[in-house]
N, C-alpha and C. Protein backbone atom coordinates (compact mmCIF):
# COMPACT_ATOMS: atom_id res chain seq x y z
N MET A 1 71.73 52.69 105.08
CA MET A 1 70.76 51.61 104.99
C MET A 1 70.54 51.05 106.38
N GLY A 2 69.32 50.95 106.81
CA GLY A 2 69.02 50.39 108.12
C GLY A 2 68.38 49.02 107.97
N ARG A 3 68.46 48.24 108.98
CA ARG A 3 67.87 46.92 108.96
C ARG A 3 67.37 46.61 110.35
N LYS A 4 66.18 46.06 110.47
CA LYS A 4 65.64 45.72 111.76
C LYS A 4 66.37 44.50 112.30
N LEU A 5 67.04 44.70 113.42
CA LEU A 5 67.82 43.61 114.01
C LEU A 5 67.37 43.30 115.43
N GLY A 6 66.36 43.94 115.90
CA GLY A 6 65.92 43.72 117.27
C GLY A 6 65.51 45.04 117.88
N ARG A 7 65.67 45.16 119.18
CA ARG A 7 65.34 46.41 119.87
C ARG A 7 66.48 46.81 120.78
N LEU A 8 66.73 48.12 120.83
CA LEU A 8 67.64 48.70 121.81
C LEU A 8 66.78 49.32 122.88
N TRP A 9 67.13 49.14 124.12
CA TRP A 9 66.36 49.73 125.20
C TRP A 9 67.10 50.93 125.73
N CYS A 10 66.44 52.07 125.81
CA CYS A 10 67.03 53.23 126.44
C CYS A 10 66.02 53.72 127.45
N TRP A 11 66.50 53.97 128.62
CA TRP A 11 65.63 54.25 129.77
C TRP A 11 64.61 53.14 129.85
N THR A 12 63.33 53.47 129.84
CA THR A 12 62.34 52.41 129.95
C THR A 12 61.52 52.24 128.69
N ARG A 13 61.85 53.01 127.65
CA ARG A 13 61.07 52.84 126.42
C ARG A 13 61.94 52.19 125.35
N PRO A 14 61.38 51.23 124.62
CA PRO A 14 62.16 50.60 123.55
C PRO A 14 62.23 51.51 122.33
N VAL A 15 63.37 51.49 121.68
CA VAL A 15 63.56 52.19 120.42
C VAL A 15 63.77 51.13 119.36
N PRO A 16 62.87 51.01 118.38
CA PRO A 16 63.09 50.00 117.34
C PRO A 16 64.41 50.26 116.63
N VAL A 17 65.22 49.24 116.49
CA VAL A 17 66.53 49.40 115.88
C VAL A 17 66.41 49.92 114.45
N ARG A 18 65.39 49.51 113.72
CA ARG A 18 65.25 49.98 112.35
C ARG A 18 65.08 51.49 112.29
N ASP A 19 64.60 52.10 113.40
CA ASP A 19 64.43 53.54 113.45
C ASP A 19 65.67 54.24 113.99
N ALA A 20 66.49 53.54 114.77
CA ALA A 20 67.59 54.21 115.47
C ALA A 20 68.96 53.73 115.04
N LEU A 21 69.05 52.65 114.32
CA LEU A 21 70.34 52.06 114.00
C LEU A 21 70.60 52.13 112.51
N ALA A 22 71.54 52.95 112.14
CA ALA A 22 71.93 53.00 110.74
C ALA A 22 73.22 52.21 110.64
N VAL A 23 73.15 51.04 110.09
CA VAL A 23 74.31 50.18 109.96
C VAL A 23 74.79 50.28 108.53
N SER A 24 76.06 50.59 108.37
CA SER A 24 76.56 50.73 107.01
C SER A 24 77.73 49.81 106.78
N GLY A 25 77.93 49.45 105.57
CA GLY A 25 79.05 48.60 105.20
C GLY A 25 78.67 47.80 103.98
N PRO A 26 79.65 47.43 103.18
CA PRO A 26 79.38 46.77 101.91
C PRO A 26 78.77 45.37 102.04
N HIS A 27 78.87 44.74 103.21
CA HIS A 27 78.38 43.37 103.34
C HIS A 27 76.98 43.28 103.91
N LEU A 28 76.41 44.39 104.33
CA LEU A 28 75.11 44.35 104.98
C LEU A 28 74.00 43.79 104.10
N PRO A 29 73.89 44.15 102.82
CA PRO A 29 72.78 43.62 102.03
C PRO A 29 72.76 42.10 101.95
N ALA A 30 73.88 41.43 102.12
CA ALA A 30 73.93 39.98 102.03
C ALA A 30 73.44 39.29 103.31
N LEU A 31 73.23 40.03 104.38
CA LEU A 31 72.81 39.42 105.64
C LEU A 31 71.33 39.09 105.63
N ASP A 32 70.98 37.91 106.11
CA ASP A 32 69.57 37.61 106.29
C ASP A 32 69.17 38.07 107.69
N PRO A 33 67.91 38.32 107.95
CA PRO A 33 67.48 38.89 109.22
C PRO A 33 67.89 38.08 110.45
N ALA A 34 68.09 36.78 110.31
CA ALA A 34 68.43 35.95 111.46
C ALA A 34 69.92 36.02 111.81
N THR A 35 70.73 36.56 110.93
CA THR A 35 72.17 36.62 111.17
C THR A 35 72.48 37.63 112.25
N ARG A 36 73.28 37.24 113.22
CA ARG A 36 73.66 38.17 114.29
C ARG A 36 74.60 39.22 113.74
N ILE A 37 74.44 40.45 114.25
CA ILE A 37 75.23 41.56 113.73
C ILE A 37 76.72 41.38 113.98
N ASP A 38 77.09 40.65 115.03
CA ASP A 38 78.52 40.48 115.28
C ASP A 38 79.18 39.51 114.31
N ALA A 39 78.40 38.96 113.39
CA ALA A 39 78.96 38.11 112.36
C ALA A 39 79.42 38.92 111.15
N VAL A 40 79.11 40.22 111.16
CA VAL A 40 79.53 41.08 110.05
C VAL A 40 81.06 41.09 110.03
N ARG A 41 81.63 40.97 108.86
CA ARG A 41 83.09 40.98 108.75
C ARG A 41 83.66 42.26 109.28
N ARG A 42 84.80 42.19 109.92
CA ARG A 42 85.44 43.35 110.53
C ARG A 42 85.72 44.45 109.51
N ASP A 43 85.97 44.09 108.26
CA ASP A 43 86.29 45.11 107.28
C ASP A 43 85.06 45.82 106.74
N ALA A 44 83.90 45.52 107.29
CA ALA A 44 82.68 46.18 106.84
C ALA A 44 82.62 47.62 107.31
N GLY A 45 83.45 48.00 108.27
CA GLY A 45 83.44 49.37 108.76
C GLY A 45 82.12 49.74 109.38
N LEU A 46 81.67 48.96 110.34
CA LEU A 46 80.35 49.13 110.91
C LEU A 46 80.17 50.45 111.65
N THR A 47 79.02 51.07 111.43
CA THR A 47 78.66 52.35 112.03
C THR A 47 77.35 52.20 112.79
N LEU A 48 77.32 52.71 114.00
CA LEU A 48 76.08 52.76 114.78
C LEU A 48 75.69 54.22 114.89
N ASP A 49 74.55 54.57 114.32
CA ASP A 49 74.09 55.95 114.31
C ASP A 49 72.85 56.07 115.19
N LEU A 50 73.03 56.66 116.36
CA LEU A 50 71.93 56.89 117.29
C LEU A 50 71.68 58.39 117.44
N SER A 51 71.99 59.15 116.43
CA SER A 51 71.80 60.59 116.46
C SER A 51 70.33 60.95 116.51
N GLY A 52 70.01 61.97 117.30
CA GLY A 52 68.66 62.50 117.33
C GLY A 52 67.61 61.54 117.84
N CYS A 53 67.98 60.60 118.68
CA CYS A 53 67.02 59.62 119.21
C CYS A 53 66.47 60.00 120.58
N GLY A 54 66.89 61.14 121.10
CA GLY A 54 66.40 61.56 122.42
C GLY A 54 67.00 60.76 123.56
N LEU A 55 68.14 60.14 123.33
CA LEU A 55 68.76 59.32 124.38
C LEU A 55 69.26 60.19 125.54
N GLY A 56 68.94 59.77 126.74
CA GLY A 56 69.47 60.42 127.94
C GLY A 56 70.66 59.66 128.48
N TRP A 57 70.88 58.45 127.99
CA TRP A 57 71.97 57.59 128.45
C TRP A 57 72.33 56.64 127.32
N LEU A 58 73.60 56.40 127.12
CA LEU A 58 74.04 55.45 126.11
C LEU A 58 73.77 54.04 126.62
N PRO A 59 72.92 53.28 125.94
CA PRO A 59 72.60 51.93 126.40
C PRO A 59 73.82 51.02 126.44
N SER A 60 73.89 50.18 127.45
CA SER A 60 75.00 49.23 127.58
C SER A 60 75.11 48.33 126.36
N GLU A 61 73.97 48.02 125.74
CA GLU A 61 73.99 47.17 124.55
C GLU A 61 74.82 47.79 123.43
N ALA A 62 74.81 49.10 123.34
CA ALA A 62 75.60 49.78 122.31
C ALA A 62 77.09 49.71 122.60
N CYS A 63 77.44 49.48 123.86
CA CYS A 63 78.85 49.38 124.25
C CYS A 63 79.36 47.95 124.18
N ALA A 64 78.50 47.04 123.80
CA ALA A 64 78.88 45.63 123.74
C ALA A 64 79.19 45.20 122.31
N LEU A 65 79.67 46.14 121.51
CA LEU A 65 79.98 45.89 120.10
C LEU A 65 81.46 46.18 119.88
N PRO A 66 82.35 45.29 120.30
CA PRO A 66 83.79 45.59 120.28
C PRO A 66 84.36 45.88 118.89
N TRP A 67 83.67 45.48 117.84
CA TRP A 67 84.15 45.70 116.47
C TRP A 67 83.62 47.00 115.87
N LEU A 68 82.80 47.73 116.62
CA LEU A 68 82.22 48.98 116.13
C LEU A 68 83.32 50.00 115.86
N GLU A 69 83.27 50.65 114.71
CA GLU A 69 84.29 51.62 114.32
C GLU A 69 83.83 53.07 114.41
N VAL A 70 82.55 53.32 114.16
CA VAL A 70 82.02 54.68 114.17
C VAL A 70 80.75 54.69 115.03
N LEU A 71 80.70 55.60 116.00
CA LEU A 71 79.53 55.75 116.86
C LEU A 71 79.08 57.20 116.80
N ARG A 72 77.84 57.39 116.33
CA ARG A 72 77.27 58.73 116.19
C ARG A 72 76.17 58.91 117.23
N LEU A 73 76.37 59.87 118.11
CA LEU A 73 75.41 60.14 119.18
C LEU A 73 75.02 61.61 119.24
N GLU A 74 75.12 62.33 118.13
CA GLU A 74 74.82 63.76 118.13
C GLU A 74 73.34 64.00 118.38
N ASP A 75 73.06 65.21 118.86
CA ASP A 75 71.68 65.68 119.01
C ASP A 75 70.82 64.76 119.86
N ASN A 76 71.33 64.38 121.02
CA ASN A 76 70.55 63.63 121.99
C ASN A 76 70.45 64.47 123.26
N ALA A 77 70.19 63.83 124.37
CA ALA A 77 70.07 64.54 125.65
C ALA A 77 71.05 63.96 126.67
N LEU A 78 72.19 63.50 126.17
CA LEU A 78 73.19 62.89 127.05
C LEU A 78 73.79 63.92 127.99
N THR A 79 73.75 63.65 129.30
CA THR A 79 74.40 64.53 130.27
C THR A 79 75.68 63.88 130.79
N ALA A 80 75.78 62.58 130.61
CA ALA A 80 76.98 61.83 130.99
C ALA A 80 77.12 60.70 129.97
N LEU A 81 78.31 60.19 129.89
CA LEU A 81 78.60 59.12 128.94
C LEU A 81 78.81 57.82 129.71
N ASN A 82 78.17 56.77 129.28
CA ASN A 82 78.29 55.47 129.92
C ASN A 82 79.77 55.06 129.96
N PRO A 83 80.32 54.76 131.16
CA PRO A 83 81.73 54.35 131.25
C PRO A 83 82.04 53.08 130.45
N GLU A 84 81.02 52.32 130.11
CA GLU A 84 81.24 51.12 129.30
C GLU A 84 81.71 51.45 127.89
N ILE A 85 81.75 52.72 127.54
CA ILE A 85 82.24 53.13 126.22
C ILE A 85 83.67 52.61 125.99
N GLY A 86 84.40 52.40 127.07
CA GLY A 86 85.75 51.88 126.98
C GLY A 86 85.84 50.47 126.40
N ARG A 87 84.71 49.80 126.29
CA ARG A 87 84.68 48.45 125.71
C ARG A 87 84.73 48.47 124.18
N LEU A 88 84.55 49.65 123.59
CA LEU A 88 84.52 49.76 122.12
C LEU A 88 85.94 49.90 121.58
N ARG A 89 86.69 48.83 121.62
CA ARG A 89 88.13 48.80 121.32
C ARG A 89 88.49 49.14 119.88
N SER A 90 87.57 49.00 118.94
CA SER A 90 87.87 49.29 117.53
C SER A 90 87.40 50.68 117.11
N LEU A 91 86.79 51.40 118.02
CA LEU A 91 86.21 52.70 117.68
C LEU A 91 87.27 53.67 117.20
N HIS A 92 87.05 54.28 116.02
CA HIS A 92 87.98 55.30 115.53
C HIS A 92 87.30 56.66 115.38
N THR A 93 85.96 56.70 115.38
CA THR A 93 85.25 57.97 115.28
C THR A 93 84.12 57.99 116.30
N LEU A 94 84.09 59.04 117.12
CA LEU A 94 83.05 59.19 118.14
C LEU A 94 82.48 60.60 118.02
N GLU A 95 81.20 60.69 117.69
CA GLU A 95 80.54 61.96 117.50
C GLU A 95 79.52 62.19 118.62
N LEU A 96 79.87 63.10 119.53
CA LEU A 96 79.05 63.40 120.70
C LEU A 96 78.51 64.82 120.68
N GLY A 97 78.52 65.46 119.54
CA GLY A 97 78.12 66.86 119.44
C GLY A 97 76.67 67.10 119.81
N PHE A 98 76.43 68.27 120.39
CA PHE A 98 75.11 68.78 120.68
C PHE A 98 74.29 67.87 121.60
N ASN A 99 74.89 67.60 122.74
CA ASN A 99 74.25 66.94 123.86
C ASN A 99 74.32 67.91 125.04
N ALA A 100 74.38 67.41 126.24
CA ALA A 100 74.49 68.26 127.43
C ALA A 100 75.57 67.72 128.35
N LEU A 101 76.63 67.16 127.75
CA LEU A 101 77.71 66.55 128.53
C LEU A 101 78.43 67.61 129.36
N THR A 102 78.68 67.26 130.63
CA THR A 102 79.43 68.16 131.51
C THR A 102 80.79 67.58 131.88
N ARG A 103 80.95 66.27 131.68
CA ARG A 103 82.24 65.63 131.93
C ARG A 103 82.34 64.37 131.09
N LEU A 104 83.57 63.89 130.96
CA LEU A 104 83.83 62.69 130.17
C LEU A 104 84.40 61.61 131.09
N PRO A 105 83.98 60.36 130.91
CA PRO A 105 84.50 59.30 131.77
C PRO A 105 85.95 58.95 131.41
N ASP A 106 86.72 58.54 132.40
CA ASP A 106 88.11 58.13 132.18
C ASP A 106 88.21 57.04 131.12
N GLU A 107 87.21 56.19 131.05
CA GLU A 107 87.23 55.07 130.11
C GLU A 107 87.28 55.53 128.66
N LEU A 108 86.78 56.71 128.38
CA LEU A 108 86.85 57.24 127.02
C LEU A 108 88.30 57.34 126.54
N PHE A 109 89.19 57.64 127.46
CA PHE A 109 90.58 57.88 127.10
C PHE A 109 91.40 56.59 127.01
N THR A 110 90.71 55.44 127.06
CA THR A 110 91.38 54.15 126.83
C THR A 110 91.17 53.67 125.40
N LEU A 111 90.43 54.43 124.61
CA LEU A 111 90.14 54.03 123.23
C LEU A 111 91.33 54.35 122.34
N GLU A 112 92.25 53.41 122.27
CA GLU A 112 93.54 53.65 121.63
C GLU A 112 93.48 53.84 120.11
N HIS A 113 92.36 53.48 119.47
CA HIS A 113 92.25 53.64 118.02
C HIS A 113 91.47 54.91 117.64
N LEU A 114 91.00 55.66 118.62
CA LEU A 114 90.18 56.84 118.35
C LEU A 114 90.98 57.89 117.58
N ARG A 115 90.47 58.28 116.40
CA ARG A 115 91.12 59.27 115.56
C ARG A 115 90.33 60.58 115.47
N ALA A 116 89.00 60.50 115.58
CA ALA A 116 88.17 61.70 115.47
C ALA A 116 87.20 61.75 116.64
N LEU A 117 87.17 62.89 117.33
CA LEU A 117 86.31 63.08 118.48
C LEU A 117 85.60 64.42 118.35
N ASP A 118 84.27 64.38 118.31
CA ASP A 118 83.47 65.60 118.21
C ASP A 118 82.74 65.81 119.52
N LEU A 119 83.11 66.88 120.22
CA LEU A 119 82.49 67.24 121.50
C LEU A 119 81.76 68.58 121.39
N SER A 120 81.55 69.06 120.20
CA SER A 120 80.94 70.38 119.98
C SER A 120 79.56 70.48 120.62
N GLY A 121 79.23 71.70 121.07
CA GLY A 121 77.89 71.97 121.54
C GLY A 121 77.48 71.24 122.80
N ASN A 122 78.39 71.06 123.73
CA ASN A 122 78.08 70.45 125.01
C ASN A 122 78.28 71.48 126.11
N ARG A 123 78.42 71.03 127.34
CA ARG A 123 78.61 71.93 128.48
C ARG A 123 79.92 71.62 129.21
N LEU A 124 80.89 71.15 128.45
CA LEU A 124 82.17 70.76 129.04
C LEU A 124 82.96 72.00 129.44
N ARG A 125 83.46 72.01 130.66
CA ARG A 125 84.25 73.14 131.16
C ARG A 125 85.75 72.87 131.06
N ALA A 126 86.12 71.60 131.00
CA ALA A 126 87.53 71.25 130.90
C ALA A 126 87.67 69.94 130.13
N LEU A 127 88.72 69.85 129.39
CA LEU A 127 89.08 68.61 128.73
C LEU A 127 90.17 68.00 129.58
N PRO A 128 89.93 66.80 130.12
CA PRO A 128 90.91 66.20 131.03
C PRO A 128 92.28 66.00 130.37
N ALA A 129 93.32 66.08 131.17
CA ALA A 129 94.69 65.87 130.67
C ALA A 129 94.86 64.45 130.11
N GLN A 130 93.97 63.52 130.50
CA GLN A 130 94.04 62.15 129.97
C GLN A 130 93.84 62.12 128.45
N VAL A 131 93.41 63.22 127.86
CA VAL A 131 93.26 63.26 126.41
C VAL A 131 94.57 62.88 125.71
N THR A 132 95.68 63.07 126.37
CA THR A 132 96.98 62.72 125.78
C THR A 132 97.16 61.21 125.65
N ARG A 133 96.29 60.44 126.27
CA ARG A 133 96.34 58.98 126.09
C ARG A 133 95.77 58.56 124.73
N LEU A 134 95.08 59.47 124.06
CA LEU A 134 94.52 59.19 122.73
C LEU A 134 95.58 59.50 121.68
N ARG A 135 96.60 58.69 121.62
CA ARG A 135 97.79 58.94 120.79
C ARG A 135 97.48 59.02 119.30
N ARG A 136 96.38 58.43 118.84
CA ARG A 136 96.05 58.45 117.41
C ARG A 136 95.05 59.54 117.05
N LEU A 137 94.64 60.34 118.01
CA LEU A 137 93.66 61.39 117.74
C LEU A 137 94.22 62.38 116.72
N SER A 138 93.50 62.54 115.61
CA SER A 138 93.95 63.47 114.58
C SER A 138 92.99 64.64 114.40
N GLU A 139 91.73 64.47 114.82
CA GLU A 139 90.75 65.55 114.68
C GLU A 139 89.95 65.67 115.96
N LEU A 140 89.87 66.90 116.47
CA LEU A 140 89.12 67.21 117.68
C LEU A 140 88.24 68.41 117.42
N ARG A 141 86.96 68.29 117.75
CA ARG A 141 86.00 69.38 117.61
C ARG A 141 85.46 69.72 119.00
N VAL A 142 85.69 70.95 119.43
CA VAL A 142 85.26 71.37 120.77
C VAL A 142 84.51 72.71 120.73
N VAL A 143 84.04 73.12 119.57
CA VAL A 143 83.33 74.38 119.41
C VAL A 143 82.10 74.41 120.32
N ASP A 144 81.79 75.60 120.81
CA ASP A 144 80.58 75.84 121.60
C ASP A 144 80.55 75.05 122.90
N ASN A 145 81.65 75.10 123.62
CA ASN A 145 81.77 74.57 124.98
C ASN A 145 82.48 75.63 125.81
N PRO A 146 82.10 75.84 127.05
CA PRO A 146 82.84 76.78 127.91
C PRO A 146 84.10 76.08 128.42
N LEU A 147 84.99 75.74 127.52
CA LEU A 147 86.04 74.76 127.73
C LEU A 147 87.44 75.36 127.85
N VAL A 148 88.19 74.82 128.80
CA VAL A 148 89.61 75.12 128.91
C VAL A 148 90.35 73.89 128.38
N LEU A 149 91.25 74.13 127.44
CA LEU A 149 92.01 73.03 126.84
C LEU A 149 93.33 72.85 127.57
N PRO A 150 93.70 71.61 127.87
CA PRO A 150 94.98 71.39 128.55
C PRO A 150 96.15 71.63 127.59
N ASP A 151 97.22 72.21 128.10
CA ASP A 151 98.41 72.45 127.26
C ASP A 151 98.93 71.16 126.66
N ALA A 152 98.79 70.05 127.38
CA ALA A 152 99.30 68.77 126.92
C ALA A 152 98.61 68.30 125.63
N LEU A 153 97.41 68.82 125.34
CA LEU A 153 96.69 68.43 124.14
C LEU A 153 97.55 68.62 122.89
N TRP A 154 98.30 69.69 122.86
CA TRP A 154 99.05 70.06 121.66
C TRP A 154 100.25 69.16 121.40
N SER A 155 100.54 68.27 122.34
CA SER A 155 101.66 67.34 122.15
C SER A 155 101.23 66.02 121.50
N LEU A 156 99.93 65.86 121.23
CA LEU A 156 99.48 64.61 120.60
C LEU A 156 100.13 64.48 119.22
N PRO A 157 100.80 63.36 118.96
CA PRO A 157 101.60 63.23 117.75
C PRO A 157 100.81 63.23 116.44
N GLU A 158 99.56 62.77 116.44
CA GLU A 158 98.78 62.67 115.21
C GLU A 158 97.79 63.82 115.03
N LEU A 159 97.68 64.70 116.02
CA LEU A 159 96.69 65.77 115.97
C LEU A 159 96.97 66.70 114.79
N ARG A 160 96.00 66.83 113.88
CA ARG A 160 96.17 67.64 112.69
C ARG A 160 95.12 68.74 112.57
N GLU A 161 93.94 68.51 113.16
CA GLU A 161 92.84 69.43 113.00
C GLU A 161 92.14 69.62 114.34
N VAL A 162 91.98 70.89 114.73
CA VAL A 162 91.26 71.21 115.96
C VAL A 162 90.25 72.30 115.61
N HIS A 163 89.00 72.08 115.95
CA HIS A 163 87.95 73.06 115.69
C HIS A 163 87.61 73.76 117.00
N LEU A 164 87.86 75.08 117.03
CA LEU A 164 87.67 75.90 118.23
C LEU A 164 86.74 77.05 117.92
N ASP A 165 86.17 77.65 118.96
CA ASP A 165 85.46 78.90 118.75
C ASP A 165 86.40 80.05 119.11
N GLY A 166 85.99 81.26 118.82
CA GLY A 166 86.85 82.42 119.02
C GLY A 166 87.35 82.58 120.44
N GLU A 167 86.49 82.31 121.40
CA GLU A 167 86.88 82.44 122.81
C GLU A 167 87.99 81.45 123.18
N GLN A 168 87.86 80.23 122.71
CA GLN A 168 88.89 79.22 122.97
C GLN A 168 90.21 79.61 122.31
N TRP A 169 90.13 80.17 121.11
CA TRP A 169 91.32 80.61 120.39
C TRP A 169 92.05 81.70 121.16
N ARG A 170 91.29 82.69 121.63
CA ARG A 170 91.90 83.79 122.38
C ARG A 170 92.51 83.33 123.70
N ALA A 171 92.00 82.25 124.27
CA ALA A 171 92.52 81.73 125.54
C ALA A 171 93.84 80.98 125.37
N LEU A 172 94.17 80.60 124.13
CA LEU A 172 95.43 79.88 123.89
C LEU A 172 96.61 80.83 124.00
N PRO A 173 97.68 80.41 124.69
CA PRO A 173 98.88 81.24 124.70
C PRO A 173 99.44 81.38 123.28
N GLU A 174 100.03 82.53 122.98
CA GLU A 174 100.57 82.80 121.65
C GLU A 174 101.56 81.72 121.21
N ALA A 175 102.34 81.22 122.15
CA ALA A 175 103.34 80.19 121.82
C ALA A 175 102.68 78.92 121.28
N LEU A 176 101.47 78.65 121.71
CA LEU A 176 100.75 77.48 121.21
C LEU A 176 100.03 77.80 119.90
N ARG A 177 99.57 79.03 119.75
CA ARG A 177 98.82 79.41 118.55
C ARG A 177 99.68 79.41 117.29
N ALA A 178 100.87 79.94 117.37
CA ALA A 178 101.71 80.15 116.19
C ALA A 178 101.92 78.88 115.36
N PRO A 179 102.36 77.77 115.96
CA PRO A 179 102.60 76.58 115.11
C PRO A 179 101.31 75.96 114.56
N TRP A 180 100.16 76.35 115.10
CA TRP A 180 98.91 75.76 114.67
C TRP A 180 98.16 76.62 113.68
N THR A 181 98.63 77.79 113.37
CA THR A 181 97.96 78.66 112.43
C THR A 181 97.80 77.92 111.10
N GLY A 182 96.60 77.91 110.60
CA GLY A 182 96.31 77.19 109.35
C GLY A 182 95.78 75.80 109.59
N ARG A 183 95.99 75.24 110.76
CA ARG A 183 95.47 73.89 111.06
C ARG A 183 94.33 73.95 112.06
N LEU A 184 94.16 75.09 112.71
CA LEU A 184 93.05 75.26 113.63
C LEU A 184 91.89 75.88 112.88
N HIS A 185 90.71 75.39 113.12
CA HIS A 185 89.50 75.94 112.52
C HIS A 185 88.77 76.71 113.60
N VAL A 186 88.76 78.03 113.47
CA VAL A 186 88.16 78.89 114.47
C VAL A 186 86.83 79.41 113.91
N VAL A 187 85.76 79.23 114.68
CA VAL A 187 84.45 79.73 114.26
C VAL A 187 83.95 80.78 115.23
């Protein structure tokens, strides 16, 4: 369910929020149009869906929502991620699939509540060793990237699901592959 709450600016053209912002949660229907979005109760599980909006850059306004839990940015034209992403302290799901990302900002690895990270279909060549700072990460999707995975990734205590492509699977040392058989999704 979407609701017009104003305008988000990306680059120099405005994107009407009703077209680009899918806000979900059980309390949304009770909001009147004048109510500020940050008044939504924390347990509403707020989601910001900016998928397929043609964004070349994540607007700073989207990073000014500290209670945001799910951020969907798939199918855009992102080549870099706004370092202000580190301000999203409640974020537990970040979907960045099918953009043109070549690197990730250090600030991404400060998101201590992040549990699911989708980086599929980008241009990432390496996943930084700082990924080990994401102690709650349980699902990682890295399919369709010319990516080298750091050995330290496999030491994440909550990691349960990793989505890899065949090339990434073959690049893993056998000692790392064996304990993950059945939990890795290879396409």
